[in-house]
């Protein structure tokens, strides 16, 4: 199987970093002029419909796959290096990861 790019695994709550992820993807897509970054989103929660609606409104390439176990072998097909990103489920870790991604873009180290 071809390695996947990026995924977000966590409860579908705004506090888990979804707002930051959507904003970063929209900004990247607007600035890059290339193909949008695709992110598979695993998780359910009380904010799922709002998150899905915001992703659609911002026209970012996010596919919502529902409830998933983080140890499922299918998640091993995602590559994690320059060119891909896995955002952590904890609010603090998600913010650190999105900041690191944004800093990488600003330094001109390439797109995800």
C-alpha atoms as a PDB file:
ATOM      1  CA  UNK A   1       0.000   0.000   0.000  1.00  0.00           C
ATOM      2  CA  UNK A   2       1.171   3.526  -0.805  1.00  0.00           C
ATOM      3  CA  UNK A   3       2.096   5.381   2.404  1.00  0.00           C
ATOM      4  CA  UNK A   4      -0.521   7.897   3.452  1.00  0.00           C
ATOM      5  CA  UNK A   5       0.288  11.537   4.197  1.00  0.00           C
ATOM      6  CA  UNK A   6      -1.274  13.048   7.301  1.00  0.00           C
ATOM      7  CA  UNK A   7      -3.932  12.221   9.831  1.00  0.00           C
ATOM      8  CA  UNK A   8      -5.562  13.709  12.907  1.00  0.00           C
ATOM      9  CA  UNK A   9      -6.643  11.213  15.570  1.00  0.00           C
ATOM     10  CA  UNK A  10      -8.620  12.450  18.535  1.00  0.00           C
ATOM     11  CA  UNK A  11     -11.997  13.302  19.936  1.00  0.00           C
ATOM     12  CA  UNK A  12     -13.885  15.692  17.670  1.00  0.00           C
ATOM     13  CA  UNK A  13     -13.714  18.713  19.967  1.00  0.00           C
ATOM     14  CA  UNK A  14     -12.539  22.190  19.034  1.00  0.00           C
ATOM     15  CA  UNK A  15     -10.159  22.102  22.013  1.00  0.00           C
ATOM     16  CA  UNK A  16      -8.218  19.237  20.416  1.00  0.00           C
ATOM     17  CA  UNK A  17      -6.753  21.550  17.768  1.00  0.00           C
ATOM     18  CA  UNK A  18      -9.197  21.185  14.867  1.00  0.00           C
ATOM     19  CA  UNK A  19      -9.649  24.946  14.508  1.00  0.00           C
ATOM     20  CA  UNK A  20      -5.880  25.448  14.188  1.00  0.00           C
ATOM     21  CA  UNK A  21      -5.552  22.588  11.743  1.00  0.00           C
ATOM     22  CA  UNK A  22      -8.329  23.913   9.498  1.00  0.00           C
ATOM     23  CA  UNK A  23      -6.876  27.433   9.576  1.00  0.00           C
ATOM     24  CA  UNK A  24      -3.373  26.179   8.738  1.00  0.00           C
ATOM     25  CA  UNK A  25      -4.615  23.990   5.899  1.00  0.00           C
ATOM     26  CA  UNK A  26      -6.689  26.834   4.435  1.00  0.00           C
ATOM     27  CA  UNK A  27      -3.747  29.231   4.670  1.00  0.00           C
ATOM     28  CA  UNK A  28      -1.380  26.710   3.106  1.00  0.00           C
ATOM     29  CA  UNK A  29      -3.775  25.933   0.260  1.00  0.00           C
ATOM     30  CA  UNK A  30      -4.270  29.640  -0.453  1.00  0.00           C
ATOM     31  CA  UNK A  31      -0.524  30.388  -0.479  1.00  0.00           C
ATOM     32  CA  UNK A  32       0.845  27.279  -2.166  1.00  0.00           C
ATOM     33  CA  UNK A  33      -0.973  27.368  -5.478  1.00  0.00           C
ATOM     34  CA  UNK A  34      -0.460  23.606  -5.631  1.00  0.00           C
ATOM     35  CA  UNK A  35      -2.490  20.599  -4.654  1.00  0.00           C
ATOM     36  CA  UNK A  36      -4.217  20.913  -1.289  1.00  0.00           C
ATOM     37  CA  UNK A  37      -2.910  18.905   1.639  1.00  0.00           C
ATOM     38  CA  UNK A  38      -5.167  15.954   2.435  1.00  0.00           C
ATOM     39  CA  UNK A  39      -5.774  15.023   6.076  1.00  0.00           C
ATOM     40  CA  UNK A  40      -7.741  11.988   7.255  1.00  0.00           C
ATOM     41  CA  UNK A  41      -9.590  12.763  10.489  1.00  0.00           C
ATOM     42  CA  UNK A  42     -10.302   9.915  12.908  1.00  0.00           C
ATOM     43  CA  UNK A  43     -12.595  10.482  15.863  1.00  0.00           C
ATOM     44  CA  UNK A  44     -16.090  11.352  16.992  1.00  0.00           C
ATOM     45  CA  UNK A  45     -17.381  13.869  19.486  1.00  0.00           C
ATOM     46  CA  UNK A  46     -19.833  16.616  20.240  1.00  0.00           C
ATOM     47  CA  UNK A  47     -18.176  19.137  17.877  1.00  0.00           C
ATOM     48  CA  UNK A  48     -17.913  16.810  14.862  1.00  0.00           C
ATOM     49  CA  UNK A  49     -20.650  18.444  12.776  1.00  0.00           C
ATOM     50  CA  UNK A  50     -19.275  21.931  13.461  1.00  0.00           C
ATOM     51  CA  UNK A  51     -15.745  20.819  12.575  1.00  0.00           C
ATOM     52  CA  UNK A  52     -16.982  19.145   9.405  1.00  0.00           C
ATOM     53  CA  UNK A  53     -18.963  22.266   8.452  1.00  0.00           C
ATOM     54  CA  UNK A  54     -15.974  24.569   9.059  1.00  0.00           C
ATOM     55  CA  UNK A  55     -13.703  22.334   6.959  1.00  0.00           C
ATOM     56  CA  UNK A  56     -16.254  22.426   4.127  1.00  0.00           C
ATOM     57  CA  UNK A  57     -16.682  26.197   4.461  1.00  0.00           C
ATOM     58  CA  UNK A  58     -12.913  26.740   4.268  1.00  0.00           C
ATOM     59  CA  UNK A  59     -12.706  24.172   1.433  1.00  0.00           C
ATOM     60  CA  UNK A  60      -9.895  22.177   3.016  1.00  0.00           C
ATOM     61  CA  UNK A  61      -9.253  18.566   2.037  1.00  0.00           C
ATOM     62  CA  UNK A  62     -10.269  16.687   5.177  1.00  0.00           C
ATOM     63  CA  UNK A  63     -11.914  13.281   5.115  1.00  0.00           C
ATOM     64  CA  UNK A  64     -13.802  12.336   8.283  1.00  0.00           C
ATOM     65  CA  UNK A  65     -13.479   8.604   8.920  1.00  0.00           C
ATOM     66  CA  UNK A  66     -15.272   8.231  12.247  1.00  0.00           C
ATOM     67  CA  UNK A  67     -14.270   6.264  15.313  1.00  0.00           C
ATOM     68  CA  UNK A  68     -10.934   4.481  15.036  1.00  0.00           C
ATOM     69  CA  UNK A  69      -8.575   2.745  17.439  1.00  0.00           C
ATOM     70  CA  UNK A  70      -5.120   4.323  17.559  1.00  0.00           C
ATOM     71  CA  UNK A  71      -3.449   0.896  17.540  1.00  0.00           C
ATOM     72  CA  UNK A  72      -5.193  -0.256  14.361  1.00  0.00           C
ATOM     73  CA  UNK A  73      -2.613  -1.544  11.851  1.00  0.00           C
ATOM     74  CA  UNK A  74      -4.189   0.578   9.094  1.00  0.00           C
ATOM     75  CA  UNK A  75      -2.782   3.682  10.792  1.00  0.00           C
ATOM     76  CA  UNK A  76       0.735   2.332  10.268  1.00  0.00           C
ATOM     77  CA  UNK A  77       0.446   3.201   6.563  1.00  0.00           C
ATOM     78  CA  UNK A  78       0.865   6.899   7.332  1.00  0.00           C
ATOM     79  CA  UNK A  79       4.363   8.256   6.941  1.00  0.00           C
ATOM     80  CA  UNK A  80       5.682  10.756   9.466  1.00  0.00           C
ATOM     81  CA  UNK A  81       8.548  12.949   8.212  1.00  0.00           C
ATOM     82  CA  UNK A  82       8.921  16.092   6.149  1.00  0.00           C
ATOM     83  CA  UNK A  83       6.021  15.753   3.798  1.00  0.00           C
ATOM     84  CA  UNK A  84       3.574  14.512   6.424  1.00  0.00           C
ATOM     85  CA  UNK A  85       2.276  15.358   9.847  1.00  0.00           C
ATOM     86  CA  UNK A  86       0.521  13.510  12.629  1.00  0.00           C
ATOM     87  CA  UNK A  87      -1.129  15.810  15.110  1.00  0.00           C
ATOM     88  CA  UNK A  88      -1.345  14.613  18.687  1.00  0.00           C
ATOM     89  CA  UNK A  89      -4.654  14.304  20.470  1.00  0.00           C
ATOM     90  CA  UNK A  90      -3.722  16.423  23.486  1.00  0.00           C
ATOM     91  CA  UNK A  91      -4.495  20.100  23.193  1.00  0.00           C
ATOM     92  CA  UNK A  92      -0.967  21.190  24.132  1.00  0.00           C
ATOM     93  CA  UNK A  93       0.709  18.680  21.829  1.00  0.00           C
ATOM     94  CA  UNK A  94      -1.573  19.666  18.943  1.00  0.00           C
ATOM     95  CA  UNK A  95      -0.667  23.322  19.393  1.00  0.00           C
ATOM     96  CA  UNK A  96       3.047  22.506  19.483  1.00  0.00           C
ATOM     97  CA  UNK A  97       2.732  20.375  16.339  1.00  0.00           C
ATOM     98  CA  UNK A  98       0.805  23.047  14.418  1.00  0.00           C
ATOM     99  CA  UNK A  99       3.330  25.704  15.471  1.00  0.00           C
ATOM    100  CA  UNK A 100       6.195  23.488  14.298  1.00  0.00           C
ATOM    101  CA  UNK A 101       4.449  22.976  10.967  1.00  0.00           C
ATOM    102  CA  UNK A 102       3.805  26.688  10.504  1.00  0.00           C
ATOM    103  CA  UNK A 103       7.413  27.522  11.390  1.00  0.00           C
ATOM    104  CA  UNK A 104       8.603  24.990   8.820  1.00  0.00           C
ATOM    105  CA  UNK A 105       6.513  26.681   6.138  1.00  0.00           C
ATOM    106  CA  UNK A 106       7.722  30.133   7.116  1.00  0.00           C
ATOM    107  CA  UNK A 107      11.348  28.992   6.913  1.00  0.00           C
ATOM    108  CA  UNK A 108      10.703  27.745   3.386  1.00  0.00           C
ATOM    109  CA  UNK A 109      11.396  24.107   4.237  1.00  0.00           C
ATOM    110  CA  UNK A 110       8.697  22.896   1.895  1.00  0.00           C
ATOM    111  CA  UNK A 111       5.059  22.028   2.025  1.00  0.00           C
ATOM    112  CA  UNK A 112       3.593  19.120   3.880  1.00  0.00           C
END
